[in-house]
Amino acid sequence: MERSAFVKVFGDSPVVRVIDFLLTERGLYDYTLKDIAENSNVSFVTLQGIFPMLGKIGIVKMTRRIGKARLYMLNEENLLVQKLIRMDKEISEYFIGRELKKQTVGKPIKVR
């Protein structure tokens, strides 16, 4: 699987992969810890270690419970998350622009 622009810029660490997954899937669904671990390619044990920090600084919020399972999503009301969303968009636009420049075919035609 190709790394996202966000991961390319900030590094391929578990925290970055989790944030990247949540940014990519924001507003669509809420997820269990198991879902987040699987979709961000992070072990469940590693996620359990980093998730409390993400909750403490307000990046994630619990949305509901289904039985014993708790579901979470990106906390888009958090100012830091809003900045991450903008930054993710700008990083993607930067890489798209670079790729488009590479794909320019031939030299411009001079019109007289």
N, C-alpha and C. Protein backbone atom coordinates (compact mmCIF):
# COMPACT_ATOMS: atom_id res chain seq x y z
N MET A 1 0.84 -1.18 0.00
CA MET A 1 0.00 0.00 0.00
C MET A 1 0.89 1.25 0.00
N GLU A 2 0.57 2.18 -0.88
CA GLU A 2 1.36 3.41 -0.95
C GLU A 2 1.04 4.31 0.23
N ARG A 3 2.10 4.93 0.74
CA ARG A 3 1.93 5.83 1.88
C ARG A 3 1.25 7.12 1.44
N SER A 4 0.45 7.68 2.32
CA SER A 4 -0.21 8.95 2.02
C SER A 4 0.80 10.09 2.07
N ALA A 5 0.41 11.21 1.52
CA ALA A 5 1.28 12.40 1.57
C ALA A 5 1.53 12.81 3.02
N PHE A 6 0.52 12.69 3.87
CA PHE A 6 0.65 13.04 5.28
C PHE A 6 1.73 12.19 5.95
N VAL A 7 1.72 10.89 5.68
CA VAL A 7 2.71 9.98 6.26
C VAL A 7 4.09 10.25 5.66
N LYS A 8 4.15 10.55 4.37
CA LYS A 8 5.44 10.87 3.75
C LYS A 8 6.10 12.07 4.43
N VAL A 9 5.30 13.07 4.78
CA VAL A 9 5.85 14.29 5.39
C VAL A 9 6.20 14.09 6.85
N PHE A 10 5.32 13.44 7.62
CA PHE A 10 5.51 13.36 9.07
C PHE A 10 6.15 12.06 9.55
N GLY A 11 6.38 11.12 8.65
CA GLY A 11 7.05 9.89 9.03
C GLY A 11 6.08 8.75 9.27
N ASP A 12 6.57 7.55 9.09
CA ASP A 12 5.74 6.36 9.17
C ASP A 12 5.78 5.78 10.58
N SER A 13 5.17 6.50 11.52
CA SER A 13 5.12 6.04 12.91
C SER A 13 3.67 5.66 13.24
N PRO A 14 3.47 4.87 14.28
CA PRO A 14 2.10 4.48 14.64
C PRO A 14 1.18 5.68 14.89
N VAL A 15 1.65 6.69 15.58
CA VAL A 15 0.81 7.86 15.87
C VAL A 15 0.41 8.54 14.57
N VAL A 16 1.35 8.72 13.67
CA VAL A 16 1.07 9.38 12.39
C VAL A 16 0.10 8.54 11.57
N ARG A 17 0.28 7.23 11.54
CA ARG A 17 -0.63 6.37 10.76
C ARG A 17 -2.05 6.41 11.31
N VAL A 18 -2.19 6.45 12.64
CA VAL A 18 -3.53 6.53 13.25
C VAL A 18 -4.17 7.87 12.91
N ILE A 19 -3.44 8.96 13.07
CA ILE A 19 -4.00 10.28 12.75
C ILE A 19 -4.35 10.35 11.26
N ASP A 20 -3.48 9.81 10.42
CA ASP A 20 -3.74 9.81 8.98
C ASP A 20 -5.03 9.06 8.66
N PHE A 21 -5.21 7.89 9.25
CA PHE A 21 -6.45 7.13 9.02
C PHE A 21 -7.67 7.94 9.46
N LEU A 22 -7.60 8.53 10.64
CA LEU A 22 -8.74 9.29 11.15
C LEU A 22 -9.01 10.53 10.30
N LEU A 23 -7.97 11.18 9.79
CA LEU A 23 -8.16 12.33 8.90
C LEU A 23 -8.82 11.89 7.59
N THR A 24 -8.35 10.78 7.06
CA THR A 24 -8.88 10.29 5.78
C THR A 24 -10.35 9.89 5.91
N GLU A 25 -10.71 9.29 7.02
CA GLU A 25 -12.06 8.77 7.21
C GLU A 25 -12.96 9.71 8.03
N ARG A 26 -12.53 10.93 8.22
CA ARG A 26 -13.27 11.83 9.12
C ARG A 26 -14.68 12.09 8.61
N GLY A 27 -15.58 12.12 9.58
CA GLY A 27 -16.96 12.43 9.27
C GLY A 27 -17.76 11.29 8.67
N LEU A 28 -17.12 10.18 8.33
CA LEU A 28 -17.85 9.09 7.68
C LEU A 28 -18.47 8.15 8.71
N TYR A 29 -17.63 7.63 9.59
CA TYR A 29 -18.09 6.64 10.57
C TYR A 29 -17.34 6.86 11.88
N ASP A 30 -17.78 6.14 12.88
CA ASP A 30 -16.99 6.03 14.10
C ASP A 30 -16.46 4.60 14.16
N TYR A 31 -15.37 4.41 14.88
CA TYR A 31 -14.64 3.15 14.82
C TYR A 31 -14.29 2.63 16.21
N THR A 32 -14.24 1.31 16.33
CA THR A 32 -13.72 0.69 17.54
C THR A 32 -12.20 0.77 17.50
N LEU A 33 -11.56 0.53 18.63
CA LEU A 33 -10.10 0.50 18.65
C LEU A 33 -9.57 -0.57 17.70
N LYS A 34 -10.25 -1.70 17.65
CA LYS A 34 -9.83 -2.78 16.75
C LYS A 34 -9.87 -2.31 15.30
N ASP A 35 -10.95 -1.61 14.91
CA ASP A 35 -11.07 -1.08 13.55
C ASP A 35 -9.95 -0.09 13.25
N ILE A 36 -9.67 0.80 14.19
CA ILE A 36 -8.62 1.80 14.00
C ILE A 36 -7.27 1.13 13.84
N ALA A 37 -6.99 0.15 14.69
CA ALA A 37 -5.72 -0.57 14.61
C ALA A 37 -5.56 -1.24 13.26
N GLU A 38 -6.58 -1.97 12.82
CA GLU A 38 -6.50 -2.69 11.55
C GLU A 38 -6.36 -1.74 10.36
N ASN A 39 -7.13 -0.67 10.34
CA ASN A 39 -7.14 0.24 9.20
C ASN A 39 -5.93 1.17 9.15
N SER A 40 -5.26 1.36 10.28
CA SER A 40 -4.07 2.21 10.27
C SER A 40 -2.79 1.38 10.28
N ASN A 41 -2.95 0.07 10.22
CA ASN A 41 -1.80 -0.86 10.19
C ASN A 41 -0.91 -0.69 11.43
N VAL A 42 -1.56 -0.65 12.58
CA VAL A 42 -0.88 -0.54 13.87
C VAL A 42 -1.38 -1.70 14.72
N SER A 43 -0.49 -2.31 15.49
CA SER A 43 -0.95 -3.42 16.34
C SER A 43 -1.90 -2.88 17.41
N PHE A 44 -2.80 -3.75 17.84
CA PHE A 44 -3.78 -3.36 18.85
C PHE A 44 -3.08 -2.93 20.14
N VAL A 45 -2.03 -3.64 20.52
CA VAL A 45 -1.29 -3.32 21.75
C VAL A 45 -0.65 -1.93 21.63
N THR A 46 -0.06 -1.64 20.47
CA THR A 46 0.55 -0.32 20.26
C THR A 46 -0.52 0.76 20.31
N LEU A 47 -1.67 0.52 19.69
CA LEU A 47 -2.75 1.50 19.71
C LEU A 47 -3.22 1.76 21.13
N GLN A 48 -3.33 0.70 21.93
CA GLN A 48 -3.73 0.88 23.33
C GLN A 48 -2.74 1.77 24.09
N GLY A 49 -1.48 1.73 23.68
CA GLY A 49 -0.47 2.56 24.32
C GLY A 49 -0.53 4.03 23.93
N ILE A 50 -0.89 4.30 22.68
CA ILE A 50 -0.88 5.69 22.21
C ILE A 50 -2.25 6.37 22.26
N PHE A 51 -3.32 5.59 22.29
CA PHE A 51 -4.66 6.16 22.20
C PHE A 51 -5.03 7.08 23.36
N PRO A 52 -4.63 6.74 24.60
CA PRO A 52 -4.96 7.67 25.69
C PRO A 52 -4.39 9.07 25.48
N MET A 53 -3.20 9.17 24.91
CA MET A 53 -2.61 10.48 24.63
C MET A 53 -3.43 11.24 23.58
N LEU A 54 -3.90 10.52 22.55
CA LEU A 54 -4.72 11.16 21.53
C LEU A 54 -6.04 11.68 22.10
N GLY A 55 -6.58 10.94 23.06
CA GLY A 55 -7.80 11.39 23.73
C GLY A 55 -7.53 12.56 24.66
N LYS A 56 -6.42 12.50 25.37
CA LYS A 56 -6.09 13.55 26.34
C LYS A 56 -5.91 14.91 25.67
N ILE A 57 -5.28 14.94 24.48
CA ILE A 57 -5.09 16.23 23.81
C ILE A 57 -6.26 16.57 22.89
N GLY A 58 -7.27 15.72 22.88
CA GLY A 58 -8.51 16.06 22.19
C GLY A 58 -8.56 15.72 20.72
N ILE A 59 -7.65 14.91 20.22
CA ILE A 59 -7.66 14.55 18.80
C ILE A 59 -8.80 13.57 18.50
N VAL A 60 -9.08 12.69 19.44
CA VAL A 60 -10.19 11.74 19.26
C VAL A 60 -11.22 11.94 20.35
N LYS A 61 -12.44 11.52 20.04
CA LYS A 61 -13.50 11.55 21.04
C LYS A 61 -14.33 10.29 20.93
N MET A 62 -14.82 9.83 22.06
CA MET A 62 -15.70 8.68 22.06
C MET A 62 -17.08 9.16 21.62
N THR A 63 -17.70 8.41 20.71
CA THR A 63 -19.00 8.82 20.18
C THR A 63 -20.15 8.03 20.78
N ARG A 64 -19.91 6.74 21.03
CA ARG A 64 -20.99 5.90 21.56
C ARG A 64 -20.44 4.56 22.00
N ARG A 65 -21.32 3.77 22.60
CA ARG A 65 -20.99 2.40 23.00
C ARG A 65 -21.96 1.44 22.32
N ILE A 66 -21.41 0.32 21.93
CA ILE A 66 -22.25 -0.79 21.44
C ILE A 66 -21.83 -1.98 22.27
N GLY A 67 -22.66 -2.36 23.22
CA GLY A 67 -22.28 -3.40 24.17
C GLY A 67 -21.09 -2.92 24.97
N LYS A 68 -20.02 -3.70 24.97
CA LYS A 68 -18.81 -3.31 25.68
C LYS A 68 -17.88 -2.45 24.81
N ALA A 69 -18.13 -2.44 23.52
CA ALA A 69 -17.25 -1.72 22.60
C ALA A 69 -17.51 -0.23 22.64
N ARG A 70 -16.43 0.53 22.64
CA ARG A 70 -16.52 1.99 22.55
C ARG A 70 -16.11 2.39 21.14
N LEU A 71 -16.82 3.34 20.59
CA LEU A 71 -16.51 3.82 19.24
C LEU A 71 -15.98 5.25 19.30
N TYR A 72 -15.04 5.53 18.41
CA TYR A 72 -14.34 6.81 18.42
C TYR A 72 -14.30 7.41 17.02
N MET A 73 -14.10 8.72 17.00
CA MET A 73 -13.85 9.41 15.74
C MET A 73 -12.99 10.63 16.00
N LEU A 74 -12.52 11.24 14.92
CA LEU A 74 -11.73 12.45 15.01
C LEU A 74 -12.59 13.55 15.62
N ASN A 75 -12.01 14.32 16.53
CA ASN A 75 -12.74 15.41 17.19
C ASN A 75 -12.55 16.69 16.38
N GLU A 76 -13.41 16.90 15.40
CA GLU A 76 -13.27 18.04 14.49
C GLU A 76 -13.56 19.38 15.15
N GLU A 77 -14.05 19.37 16.37
CA GLU A 77 -14.28 20.62 17.10
C GLU A 77 -12.98 21.13 17.74
N ASN A 78 -11.97 20.28 17.85
CA ASN A 78 -10.70 20.64 18.46
C ASN A 78 -9.89 21.50 17.49
N LEU A 79 -9.34 22.62 17.98
CA LEU A 79 -8.56 23.54 17.15
C LEU A 79 -7.35 22.86 16.52
N LEU A 80 -6.67 22.01 17.27
CA LEU A 80 -5.51 21.29 16.73
C LEU A 80 -5.93 20.39 15.57
N VAL A 81 -7.06 19.72 15.71
CA VAL A 81 -7.57 18.85 14.64
C VAL A 81 -7.93 19.68 13.42
N GLN A 82 -8.52 20.83 13.61
CA GLN A 82 -8.86 21.71 12.49
C GLN A 82 -7.60 22.11 11.72
N LYS A 83 -6.53 22.38 12.45
CA LYS A 83 -5.26 22.73 11.81
C LYS A 83 -4.67 21.52 11.08
N LEU A 84 -4.80 20.33 11.68
CA LEU A 84 -4.32 19.11 11.02
C LEU A 84 -5.08 18.85 9.72
N ILE A 85 -6.38 19.10 9.73
CA ILE A 85 -7.20 18.92 8.53
C ILE A 85 -6.73 19.86 7.43
N ARG A 86 -6.52 21.14 7.77
CA ARG A 86 -6.03 22.10 6.78
C ARG A 86 -4.65 21.70 6.27
N MET A 87 -3.78 21.30 7.19
CA MET A 87 -2.42 20.91 6.81
C MET A 87 -2.45 19.69 5.90
N ASP A 88 -3.28 18.71 6.21
CA ASP A 88 -3.40 17.51 5.38
C ASP A 88 -3.83 17.89 3.97
N LYS A 89 -4.79 18.80 3.86
CA LYS A 89 -5.26 19.26 2.55
C LYS A 89 -4.14 19.96 1.79
N GLU A 90 -3.41 20.83 2.45
CA GLU A 90 -2.33 21.57 1.80
C GLU A 90 -1.18 20.65 1.38
N ILE A 91 -0.87 19.67 2.20
CA ILE A 91 0.18 18.71 1.85
C ILE A 91 -0.24 17.91 0.62
N SER A 92 -1.49 17.48 0.58
CA SER A 92 -1.99 16.73 -0.58
C SER A 92 -1.95 17.59 -1.83
N GLU A 93 -2.37 18.84 -1.72
CA GLU A 93 -2.34 19.74 -2.88
C GLU A 93 -0.91 19.95 -3.37
N TYR A 94 0.04 20.05 -2.46
CA TYR A 94 1.45 20.22 -2.83
C TYR A 94 1.93 19.03 -3.66
N PHE A 95 1.66 17.82 -3.17
CA PHE A 95 2.12 16.62 -3.87
C PHE A 95 1.38 16.44 -5.21
N ILE A 96 0.12 16.80 -5.26
CA ILE A 96 -0.62 16.74 -6.52
C ILE A 96 0.00 17.70 -7.53
N GLY A 97 0.32 18.91 -7.08
CA GLY A 97 0.96 19.90 -7.96
C GLY A 97 2.29 19.41 -8.50
N ARG A 98 3.08 18.79 -7.63
CA ARG A 98 4.37 18.24 -8.07
C ARG A 98 4.19 17.15 -9.11
N GLU A 99 3.22 16.30 -8.87
CA GLU A 99 2.97 15.20 -9.81
C GLU A 99 2.47 15.73 -11.15
N LEU A 100 1.63 16.74 -11.13
CA LEU A 100 1.14 17.32 -12.38
C LEU A 100 2.27 17.95 -13.18
N LYS A 101 3.21 18.58 -12.51
CA LYS A 101 4.36 19.17 -13.21
C LYS A 101 5.19 18.08 -13.87
N LYS A 102 5.34 16.94 -13.22
CA LYS A 102 6.11 15.82 -13.81
C LYS A 102 5.43 15.28 -15.06
N GLN A 103 4.11 15.35 -15.09
CA GLN A 103 3.36 14.73 -16.18
C GLN A 103 3.19 15.64 -17.39
N THR A 104 3.73 16.84 -17.35
CA THR A 104 3.62 17.75 -18.49
C THR A 104 4.32 17.11 -19.68
N VAL A 105 3.62 16.95 -20.76
CA VAL A 105 4.13 16.26 -21.93
C VAL A 105 4.76 17.27 -22.90
N GLY A 106 6.02 17.03 -23.27
CA GLY A 106 6.68 17.85 -24.28
C GLY A 106 6.91 19.28 -23.83
N LYS A 107 7.41 20.08 -24.77
CA LYS A 107 7.65 21.49 -24.51
C LYS A 107 6.47 22.30 -25.03
N PRO A 108 6.27 23.47 -24.45
CA PRO A 108 5.18 24.32 -24.94
C PRO A 108 5.41 24.70 -26.40
N ILE A 109 4.35 24.81 -27.15
CA ILE A 109 4.42 25.19 -28.55
C ILE A 109 4.42 26.71 -28.63
N LYS A 110 5.36 27.25 -29.40
CA LYS A 110 5.43 28.70 -29.58
C LYS A 110 4.48 29.09 -30.71
N VAL A 111 3.64 30.04 -30.42
CA VAL A 111 2.69 30.54 -31.42
C VAL A 111 3.17 31.91 -31.86
N ARG A 112 3.23 32.11 -33.20
CA ARG A 112 3.69 33.39 -33.74
C ARG A 112 2.56 34.23 -34.22
